[in-house]
Amino acid sequence: MNQYINKPSSAFIAVSWVALITGAAAYLIGLFNASMLLNEKGYYLILILYGLFAAVSLQKIVRDKLEGIPVTAIYFGLCWASIIICIALLAIGLWNASLQLSEKGFYIMAFLLSLFGAVAVQKNIRDLDYLRMHTQPPSMPNYSSTDVHDPEQDDGKIN
């Protein structure tokens, strides 16, 4: 892996979290306020949960490949298929939904913003973890002089 990973800026970390939270919150608030049947709301809720999981899994497996960590082709393919399936199911569901065009666009944009935010947050977490593990000196146990038993100072009392 590239040993020169730059630390993500505080601004990028903040924007990533804002994108994830804003996208997911807008999607969920829109879903809560929608005049849909409960089973339709459940369908769209599962789509965003599945989409977020698939996006984070795909980001992780792409990063694993870049770092030289063995990745099975079947899991790599399943991650890509999951992303494509999520977006296709959202498109099919919205195409057939009796919503206004602006509402359909709202759901698509909130969904995609959430996926982007999840990938960016996962990338930042992975970068910061990598940098922390590779820039800290190995930790040594910190023994103080009071932790060592000195038999010359032993007065025979049991503590």
N, C-alpha and C. Protein backbone atom coordinates (compact mmCIF):
# COMPACT_ATOMS: atom_id res chain seq x y z
N MET A 1 0.84 -1.18 0.00
CA MET A 1 0.00 0.00 0.00
C MET A 1 0.88 1.24 0.00
N ASN A 2 0.35 2.31 -0.49
CA ASN A 2 1.05 3.58 -0.49
C ASN A 2 1.37 3.97 0.95
N GLN A 3 2.64 4.15 1.23
CA GLN A 3 3.02 4.50 2.59
C GLN A 3 2.84 5.98 2.86
N TYR A 4 2.45 6.74 1.87
CA TYR A 4 2.33 8.18 2.03
C TYR A 4 0.86 8.61 1.99
N ILE A 5 0.07 8.01 2.84
CA ILE A 5 -1.33 8.39 2.95
C ILE A 5 -1.40 9.71 3.68
N ASN A 6 -2.08 10.66 3.08
CA ASN A 6 -2.25 11.94 3.74
C ASN A 6 -3.39 11.84 4.74
N LYS A 7 -3.22 12.54 5.84
CA LYS A 7 -4.27 12.58 6.84
C LYS A 7 -5.43 13.40 6.26
N PRO A 8 -6.66 12.86 6.34
CA PRO A 8 -7.80 13.65 5.86
C PRO A 8 -7.93 14.94 6.67
N SER A 9 -8.25 16.00 5.99
CA SER A 9 -8.39 17.28 6.68
C SER A 9 -9.64 17.26 7.57
N SER A 10 -9.63 18.11 8.55
CA SER A 10 -10.80 18.22 9.43
C SER A 10 -12.03 18.63 8.65
N ALA A 11 -11.84 19.48 7.65
CA ALA A 11 -12.96 19.92 6.83
C ALA A 11 -13.57 18.75 6.05
N PHE A 12 -12.71 17.89 5.47
CA PHE A 12 -13.23 16.75 4.72
C PHE A 12 -13.92 15.75 5.64
N ILE A 13 -13.36 15.55 6.82
CA ILE A 13 -14.00 14.65 7.78
C ILE A 13 -15.38 15.19 8.16
N ALA A 14 -15.46 16.48 8.44
CA ALA A 14 -16.74 17.09 8.80
C ALA A 14 -17.75 17.02 7.66
N VAL A 15 -17.30 17.32 6.45
CA VAL A 15 -18.21 17.28 5.30
C VAL A 15 -18.70 15.86 5.05
N SER A 16 -17.84 14.88 5.26
CA SER A 16 -18.24 13.49 5.07
C SER A 16 -19.34 13.10 6.04
N TRP A 17 -19.16 13.46 7.31
CA TRP A 17 -20.19 13.16 8.32
C TRP A 17 -21.48 13.92 8.03
N VAL A 18 -21.35 15.18 7.62
CA VAL A 18 -22.54 15.97 7.29
C VAL A 18 -23.29 15.35 6.12
N ALA A 19 -22.55 14.88 5.10
CA ALA A 19 -23.19 14.25 3.95
C ALA A 19 -23.93 12.99 4.37
N LEU A 20 -23.30 12.16 5.18
CA LEU A 20 -23.95 10.92 5.62
C LEU A 20 -25.18 11.21 6.47
N ILE A 21 -25.03 12.07 7.45
CA ILE A 21 -26.15 12.36 8.36
C ILE A 21 -27.27 13.10 7.65
N THR A 22 -26.91 14.08 6.83
CA THR A 22 -27.93 14.85 6.11
C THR A 22 -28.68 13.97 5.12
N GLY A 23 -27.95 13.18 4.35
CA GLY A 23 -28.61 12.31 3.37
C GLY A 23 -29.52 11.29 4.02
N ALA A 24 -29.01 10.62 5.05
CA ALA A 24 -29.82 9.59 5.73
C ALA A 24 -31.00 10.22 6.47
N ALA A 25 -30.76 11.34 7.13
CA ALA A 25 -31.86 12.00 7.87
C ALA A 25 -32.93 12.52 6.91
N ALA A 26 -32.52 13.14 5.82
CA ALA A 26 -33.50 13.64 4.85
C ALA A 26 -34.32 12.50 4.27
N TYR A 27 -33.65 11.41 3.92
CA TYR A 27 -34.34 10.25 3.37
C TYR A 27 -35.35 9.70 4.38
N LEU A 28 -34.91 9.54 5.64
CA LEU A 28 -35.78 8.96 6.66
C LEU A 28 -36.93 9.90 7.05
N ILE A 29 -36.65 11.19 7.12
CA ILE A 29 -37.72 12.16 7.43
C ILE A 29 -38.73 12.18 6.30
N GLY A 30 -38.22 12.18 5.06
CA GLY A 30 -39.13 12.14 3.91
C GLY A 30 -39.97 10.87 3.92
N LEU A 31 -39.35 9.77 4.27
CA LEU A 31 -40.07 8.50 4.33
C LEU A 31 -41.12 8.51 5.44
N PHE A 32 -40.76 9.07 6.58
CA PHE A 32 -41.69 9.13 7.71
C PHE A 32 -42.92 9.98 7.35
N ASN A 33 -42.69 11.09 6.64
CA ASN A 33 -43.78 12.00 6.30
C ASN A 33 -44.53 11.63 5.03
N ALA A 34 -44.07 10.62 4.32
CA ALA A 34 -44.71 10.23 3.05
C ALA A 34 -46.07 9.60 3.31
N SER A 35 -46.94 9.81 2.35
CA SER A 35 -48.28 9.19 2.45
C SER A 35 -48.26 7.87 1.68
N MET A 36 -47.47 6.95 2.20
CA MET A 36 -47.35 5.61 1.60
C MET A 36 -47.89 4.60 2.58
N LEU A 37 -48.17 3.43 2.06
CA LEU A 37 -48.52 2.32 2.94
C LEU A 37 -47.29 1.91 3.73
N LEU A 38 -47.52 1.29 4.86
CA LEU A 38 -46.43 0.89 5.73
C LEU A 38 -45.47 -0.09 5.03
N ASN A 39 -46.00 -0.98 4.21
CA ASN A 39 -45.12 -1.92 3.51
C ASN A 39 -44.23 -1.20 2.48
N GLU A 40 -44.72 -0.13 1.88
CA GLU A 40 -43.89 0.66 0.96
C GLU A 40 -42.78 1.37 1.74
N LYS A 41 -43.13 1.92 2.87
CA LYS A 41 -42.11 2.58 3.70
C LYS A 41 -41.05 1.58 4.13
N GLY A 42 -41.46 0.39 4.48
CA GLY A 42 -40.52 -0.66 4.85
C GLY A 42 -39.59 -1.03 3.71
N TYR A 43 -40.13 -1.08 2.50
CA TYR A 43 -39.32 -1.37 1.31
C TYR A 43 -38.22 -0.33 1.14
N TYR A 44 -38.57 0.94 1.23
CA TYR A 44 -37.58 2.00 1.05
C TYR A 44 -36.61 2.08 2.24
N LEU A 45 -37.07 1.73 3.43
CA LEU A 45 -36.18 1.70 4.58
C LEU A 45 -35.13 0.60 4.42
N ILE A 46 -35.55 -0.57 4.02
CA ILE A 46 -34.61 -1.67 3.81
C ILE A 46 -33.64 -1.34 2.69
N LEU A 47 -34.10 -0.64 1.66
CA LEU A 47 -33.20 -0.27 0.57
C LEU A 47 -32.06 0.63 1.05
N ILE A 48 -32.37 1.60 1.88
CA ILE A 48 -31.28 2.48 2.35
C ILE A 48 -30.34 1.74 3.29
N LEU A 49 -30.88 0.88 4.14
CA LEU A 49 -30.02 0.12 5.04
C LEU A 49 -29.12 -0.84 4.25
N TYR A 50 -29.69 -1.52 3.28
CA TYR A 50 -28.92 -2.43 2.43
C TYR A 50 -27.91 -1.65 1.60
N GLY A 51 -28.31 -0.50 1.10
CA GLY A 51 -27.41 0.33 0.30
C GLY A 51 -26.22 0.84 1.10
N LEU A 52 -26.47 1.29 2.32
CA LEU A 52 -25.38 1.78 3.16
C LEU A 52 -24.41 0.65 3.50
N PHE A 53 -24.95 -0.51 3.82
CA PHE A 53 -24.09 -1.65 4.11
C PHE A 53 -23.28 -2.06 2.89
N ALA A 54 -23.92 -2.09 1.74
CA ALA A 54 -23.22 -2.47 0.51
C ALA A 54 -22.13 -1.46 0.15
N ALA A 55 -22.40 -0.19 0.33
CA ALA A 55 -21.42 0.85 0.01
C ALA A 55 -20.19 0.76 0.92
N VAL A 56 -20.42 0.56 2.20
CA VAL A 56 -19.30 0.43 3.13
C VAL A 56 -18.51 -0.85 2.84
N SER A 57 -19.20 -1.94 2.53
CA SER A 57 -18.52 -3.19 2.20
C SER A 57 -17.69 -3.05 0.94
N LEU A 58 -18.23 -2.39 -0.06
CA LEU A 58 -17.50 -2.19 -1.30
C LEU A 58 -16.26 -1.33 -1.06
N GLN A 59 -16.41 -0.26 -0.29
CA GLN A 59 -15.26 0.60 0.00
C GLN A 59 -14.19 -0.19 0.73
N LYS A 60 -14.60 -1.02 1.67
CA LYS A 60 -13.64 -1.79 2.44
C LYS A 60 -12.91 -2.79 1.55
N ILE A 61 -13.61 -3.45 0.70
CA ILE A 61 -12.97 -4.48 -0.12
C ILE A 61 -12.06 -3.86 -1.18
N VAL A 62 -12.43 -2.71 -1.71
CA VAL A 62 -11.56 -2.01 -2.66
C VAL A 62 -10.28 -1.60 -1.95
N ARG A 63 -10.42 -1.08 -0.75
CA ARG A 63 -9.25 -0.67 0.03
C ARG A 63 -8.39 -1.87 0.40
N ASP A 64 -9.02 -2.98 0.75
CA ASP A 64 -8.27 -4.20 1.06
C ASP A 64 -7.41 -4.61 -0.13
N LYS A 65 -7.99 -4.57 -1.32
CA LYS A 65 -7.23 -4.94 -2.52
C LYS A 65 -6.04 -4.01 -2.73
N LEU A 66 -6.24 -2.71 -2.50
CA LEU A 66 -5.14 -1.76 -2.65
C LEU A 66 -4.03 -2.00 -1.64
N GLU A 67 -4.38 -2.49 -0.46
CA GLU A 67 -3.40 -2.74 0.59
C GLU A 67 -2.77 -4.12 0.47
N GLY A 68 -3.18 -4.88 -0.53
CA GLY A 68 -2.60 -6.20 -0.73
C GLY A 68 -3.20 -7.27 0.16
N ILE A 69 -4.33 -6.98 0.78
CA ILE A 69 -5.02 -7.98 1.60
C ILE A 69 -5.80 -8.88 0.65
N PRO A 70 -5.68 -10.19 0.80
CA PRO A 70 -6.39 -11.09 -0.12
C PRO A 70 -7.90 -10.87 -0.08
N VAL A 71 -8.48 -10.82 -1.26
CA VAL A 71 -9.91 -10.59 -1.43
C VAL A 71 -10.43 -11.63 -2.41
N THR A 72 -11.51 -12.29 -2.04
CA THR A 72 -12.08 -13.27 -2.97
C THR A 72 -12.87 -12.56 -4.05
N ALA A 73 -12.80 -13.10 -5.23
CA ALA A 73 -13.50 -12.52 -6.37
C ALA A 73 -15.02 -12.57 -6.17
N ILE A 74 -15.50 -13.60 -5.51
CA ILE A 74 -16.94 -13.73 -5.31
C ILE A 74 -17.46 -12.62 -4.39
N TYR A 75 -16.73 -12.30 -3.33
CA TYR A 75 -17.17 -11.24 -2.43
C TYR A 75 -17.07 -9.88 -3.10
N PHE A 76 -16.01 -9.68 -3.86
CA PHE A 76 -15.85 -8.44 -4.61
C PHE A 76 -17.03 -8.25 -5.58
N GLY A 77 -17.38 -9.33 -6.28
CA GLY A 77 -18.52 -9.28 -7.21
C GLY A 77 -19.84 -9.06 -6.48
N LEU A 78 -20.00 -9.69 -5.32
CA LEU A 78 -21.24 -9.51 -4.55
C LEU A 78 -21.39 -8.08 -4.06
N CYS A 79 -20.29 -7.44 -3.69
CA CYS A 79 -20.35 -6.05 -3.24
C CYS A 79 -20.81 -5.15 -4.38
N TRP A 80 -20.20 -5.32 -5.56
CA TRP A 80 -20.63 -4.52 -6.72
C TRP A 80 -22.08 -4.82 -7.09
N ALA A 81 -22.44 -6.10 -7.09
CA ALA A 81 -23.82 -6.47 -7.42
C ALA A 81 -24.80 -5.86 -6.43
N SER A 82 -24.44 -5.83 -5.15
CA SER A 82 -25.33 -5.26 -4.13
C SER A 82 -25.58 -3.78 -4.37
N ILE A 83 -24.53 -3.03 -4.71
CA ILE A 83 -24.72 -1.61 -5.00
C ILE A 83 -25.63 -1.42 -6.21
N ILE A 84 -25.37 -2.18 -7.26
CA ILE A 84 -26.18 -2.06 -8.48
C ILE A 84 -27.62 -2.47 -8.22
N ILE A 85 -27.80 -3.54 -7.47
CA ILE A 85 -29.16 -4.00 -7.14
C ILE A 85 -29.91 -2.97 -6.32
N CYS A 86 -29.25 -2.38 -5.33
CA CYS A 86 -29.90 -1.35 -4.49
C CYS A 86 -30.38 -0.18 -5.33
N ILE A 87 -29.51 0.33 -6.17
CA ILE A 87 -29.88 1.48 -6.99
C ILE A 87 -30.97 1.10 -7.99
N ALA A 88 -30.88 -0.09 -8.57
CA ALA A 88 -31.91 -0.55 -9.50
C ALA A 88 -33.26 -0.72 -8.80
N LEU A 89 -33.25 -1.30 -7.60
CA LEU A 89 -34.51 -1.47 -6.87
C LEU A 89 -35.12 -0.14 -6.47
N LEU A 90 -34.27 0.81 -6.12
CA LEU A 90 -34.78 2.15 -5.80
C LEU A 90 -35.39 2.78 -7.05
N ALA A 91 -34.70 2.67 -8.17
CA ALA A 91 -35.22 3.25 -9.41
C ALA A 91 -36.53 2.59 -9.82
N ILE A 92 -36.60 1.29 -9.74
CA ILE A 92 -37.84 0.57 -10.10
C ILE A 92 -38.97 0.95 -9.15
N GLY A 93 -38.67 0.98 -7.86
CA GLY A 93 -39.69 1.35 -6.88
C GLY A 93 -40.21 2.76 -7.10
N LEU A 94 -39.30 3.70 -7.36
CA LEU A 94 -39.73 5.08 -7.57
C LEU A 94 -40.44 5.25 -8.91
N TRP A 95 -40.03 4.50 -9.91
CA TRP A 95 -40.68 4.57 -11.22
C TRP A 95 -42.15 4.18 -11.10
N ASN A 96 -42.42 3.18 -10.29
CA ASN A 96 -43.78 2.67 -10.14
C ASN A 96 -44.55 3.35 -9.00
N ALA A 97 -43.90 4.20 -8.24
CA ALA A 97 -44.56 4.87 -7.11
C ALA A 97 -45.46 5.99 -7.61
N SER A 98 -46.51 6.22 -6.86
CA SER A 98 -47.43 7.31 -7.22
C SER A 98 -47.01 8.58 -6.46
N LEU A 99 -45.77 9.01 -6.71
CA LEU A 99 -45.23 10.21 -6.10
C LEU A 99 -45.02 11.25 -7.19
N GLN A 100 -44.94 12.50 -6.76
CA GLN A 100 -44.61 13.55 -7.71
C GLN A 100 -43.16 13.39 -8.12
N LEU A 101 -42.84 13.92 -9.29
CA LEU A 101 -41.49 13.81 -9.81
C LEU A 101 -40.47 14.44 -8.86
N SER A 102 -40.84 15.54 -8.22
CA SER A 102 -39.91 16.19 -7.28
C SER A 102 -39.64 15.30 -6.07
N GLU A 103 -40.64 14.56 -5.61
CA GLU A 103 -40.44 13.64 -4.49
C GLU A 103 -39.53 12.48 -4.89
N LYS A 104 -39.71 11.99 -6.09
CA LYS A 104 -38.86 10.90 -6.58
C LYS A 104 -37.40 11.37 -6.65
N GLY A 105 -37.20 12.57 -7.17
CA GLY A 105 -35.85 13.12 -7.24
C GLY A 105 -35.25 13.32 -5.86
N PHE A 106 -36.08 13.75 -4.92
CA PHE A 106 -35.62 13.93 -3.54
C PHE A 106 -35.10 12.61 -2.97
N TYR A 107 -35.84 11.52 -3.15
CA TYR A 107 -35.42 10.23 -2.62
C TYR A 107 -34.13 9.75 -3.27
N ILE A 108 -34.03 9.94 -4.58
CA ILE A 108 -32.81 9.51 -5.28
C ILE A 108 -31.60 10.28 -4.77
N MET A 109 -31.74 11.60 -4.67
CA MET A 109 -30.60 12.41 -4.25
C MET A 109 -30.22 12.14 -2.79
N ALA A 110 -31.20 11.98 -1.92
CA ALA A 110 -30.90 11.68 -0.51
C ALA A 110 -30.23 10.31 -0.39
N PHE A 111 -30.69 9.36 -1.18
CA PHE A 111 -30.12 8.01 -1.17
C PHE A 111 -28.66 8.05 -1.63
N LEU A 112 -28.40 8.70 -2.76
CA LEU A 112 -27.03 8.78 -3.28
C LEU A 112 -26.11 9.57 -2.36
N LEU A 113 -26.62 10.65 -1.76
CA LEU A 113 -25.83 11.42 -0.81
C LEU A 113 -25.46 10.56 0.40
N SER A 114 -26.38 9.75 0.85
CA SER A 114 -26.11 8.85 1.98
C SER A 114 -25.02 7.84 1.62
N LEU A 115 -25.11 7.27 0.42
CA LEU A 115 -24.09 6.30 0.01
C LEU A 115 -22.72 6.96 -0.09
N PHE A 116 -22.68 8.14 -0.68
CA PHE A 116 -21.41 8.87 -0.77
C PHE A 116 -20.86 9.16 0.63
N GLY A 117 -21.72 9.64 1.51
CA GLY A 117 -21.29 9.95 2.87
C GLY A 117 -20.76 8.73 3.59
N ALA A 118 -21.42 7.59 3.42
CA ALA A 118 -20.97 6.36 4.08
C ALA A 118 -19.59 5.94 3.57
N VAL A 119 -19.36 6.05 2.27
CA VAL A 119 -18.07 5.69 1.70
C VAL A 119 -16.99 6.65 2.19
N ALA A 120 -17.29 7.94 2.20
CA ALA A 120 -16.30 8.94 2.64
C ALA A 120 -15.97 8.79 4.12
N VAL A 121 -16.97 8.56 4.94
CA VAL A 121 -16.73 8.36 6.38
C VAL A 121 -15.89 7.11 6.60
N GLN A 122 -16.21 6.03 5.90
CA GLN A 122 -15.44 4.79 6.03
C GLN A 122 -14.00 5.01 5.58
N LYS A 123 -13.79 5.76 4.51
CA LYS A 123 -12.44 6.05 4.03
C LYS A 123 -11.67 6.84 5.08
N ASN A 124 -12.30 7.85 5.65
CA ASN A 124 -11.63 8.65 6.67
C ASN A 124 -11.26 7.82 7.88
N ILE A 125 -12.17 6.98 8.33
CA ILE A 125 -11.90 6.12 9.48
C ILE A 125 -10.73 5.19 9.18
N ARG A 126 -10.72 4.64 8.00
CA ARG A 126 -9.65 3.71 7.61
C ARG A 126 -8.32 4.45 7.50
N ASP A 127 -8.31 5.63 6.89
CA ASP A 127 -7.07 6.42 6.77
C ASP A 127 -6.52 6.80 8.13
N LEU A 128 -7.39 7.30 9.00
CA LEU A 128 -6.93 7.72 10.33
C LEU A 128 -6.41 6.54 11.14
N ASP A 129 -7.07 5.40 11.02
CA ASP A 129 -6.64 4.20 11.74
C ASP A 129 -5.28 3.74 11.20
N TYR A 130 -5.12 3.74 9.88
CA TYR A 130 -3.85 3.35 9.27
C TYR A 130 -2.73 4.27 9.73
N LEU A 131 -2.98 5.57 9.69
CA LEU A 131 -1.96 6.52 10.10
C LEU A 131 -1.61 6.39 11.58
N ARG A 132 -2.63 6.16 12.41
CA ARG A 132 -2.39 6.00 13.84
C ARG A 132 -1.53 4.77 14.11
N MET A 133 -1.80 3.69 13.40
CA MET A 133 -1.07 2.45 13.64
C MET A 133 0.36 2.51 13.09
N HIS A 134 0.59 3.34 12.08
CA HIS A 134 1.91 3.36 11.45
C HIS A 134 2.76 4.57 11.85
N THR A 135 2.24 5.45 12.68
CA THR A 135 3.03 6.60 13.10
C THR A 135 3.33 6.59 14.59
N GLN A 136 2.64 5.77 15.35
CA GLN A 136 2.90 5.69 16.78
C GLN A 136 4.06 4.75 17.03
N PRO A 137 4.95 5.12 17.93
CA PRO A 137 6.02 4.17 18.29
C PRO A 137 5.42 2.99 19.02
N PRO A 138 6.09 1.85 18.95
CA PRO A 138 5.56 0.69 19.67
C PRO A 138 5.43 1.02 21.15
N SER A 139 4.33 0.63 21.72
CA SER A 139 4.11 0.96 23.13
C SER A 139 4.84 -0.04 24.01
N MET A 140 5.49 0.49 25.00
CA MET A 140 6.21 -0.32 25.98
C MET A 140 5.45 -0.22 27.30
N PRO A 141 5.46 -1.28 28.06
CA PRO A 141 4.80 -1.19 29.36
C PRO A 141 5.47 -0.12 30.21
N ASN A 142 4.68 0.62 30.93
CA ASN A 142 5.20 1.71 31.76
C ASN A 142 5.24 1.21 33.20
N TYR A 143 6.43 0.76 33.62
CA TYR A 143 6.59 0.29 34.98
C TYR A 143 7.18 1.41 35.82
N SER A 144 6.58 1.65 36.93
CA SER A 144 7.16 2.62 37.85
C SER A 144 7.95 1.86 38.91
N SER A 145 8.74 2.58 39.66
CA SER A 145 9.59 1.93 40.67
C SER A 145 8.74 1.31 41.77
N THR A 146 7.52 1.73 41.94
CA THR A 146 6.68 1.16 42.99
C THR A 146 6.07 -0.17 42.58
N ASP A 147 6.17 -0.51 41.27
CA ASP A 147 5.61 -1.77 40.80
C ASP A 147 6.57 -2.94 41.00
N VAL A 148 7.84 -2.65 41.30
CA VAL A 148 8.86 -3.68 41.42
C VAL A 148 9.05 -4.00 42.91
N HIS A 149 9.07 -5.27 43.24
CA HIS A 149 9.25 -5.71 44.63
C HIS A 149 10.73 -5.67 44.98
N ASP A 150 11.07 -4.96 46.03
CA ASP A 150 12.46 -4.86 46.50
C ASP A 150 12.55 -5.63 47.81
N PRO A 151 13.25 -6.78 47.81
CA PRO A 151 13.30 -7.59 49.03
C PRO A 151 14.03 -6.90 50.17
N GLU A 152 14.95 -5.96 49.89
CA GLU A 152 15.67 -5.27 50.96
C GLU A 152 14.76 -4.34 51.75
N GLN A 153 13.67 -3.91 51.12
CA GLN A 153 12.74 -3.01 51.81
C GLN A 153 11.60 -3.80 52.43
N ASP A 154 11.65 -5.09 52.35
CA ASP A 154 10.58 -5.92 52.89
C ASP A 154 10.69 -5.94 54.41
N ASP A 155 9.65 -5.51 55.09
CA ASP A 155 9.68 -5.47 56.54
C ASP A 155 8.96 -6.67 57.15
N GLY A 156 8.58 -7.64 56.31
CA GLY A 156 7.96 -8.84 56.81
C GLY A 156 6.45 -8.72 56.95
N LYS A 157 5.91 -7.55 56.72
CA LYS A 157 4.47 -7.37 56.85
C LYS A 157 3.79 -7.78 55.55
N ILE A 158 2.62 -8.31 55.71
CA ILE A 158 1.80 -8.67 54.55
C ILE A 158 0.84 -7.52 54.28
N ASN A 159 0.86 -7.02 53.08
CA ASN A 159 -0.02 -5.89 52.72
C ASN A 159 -1.36 -6.37 52.32
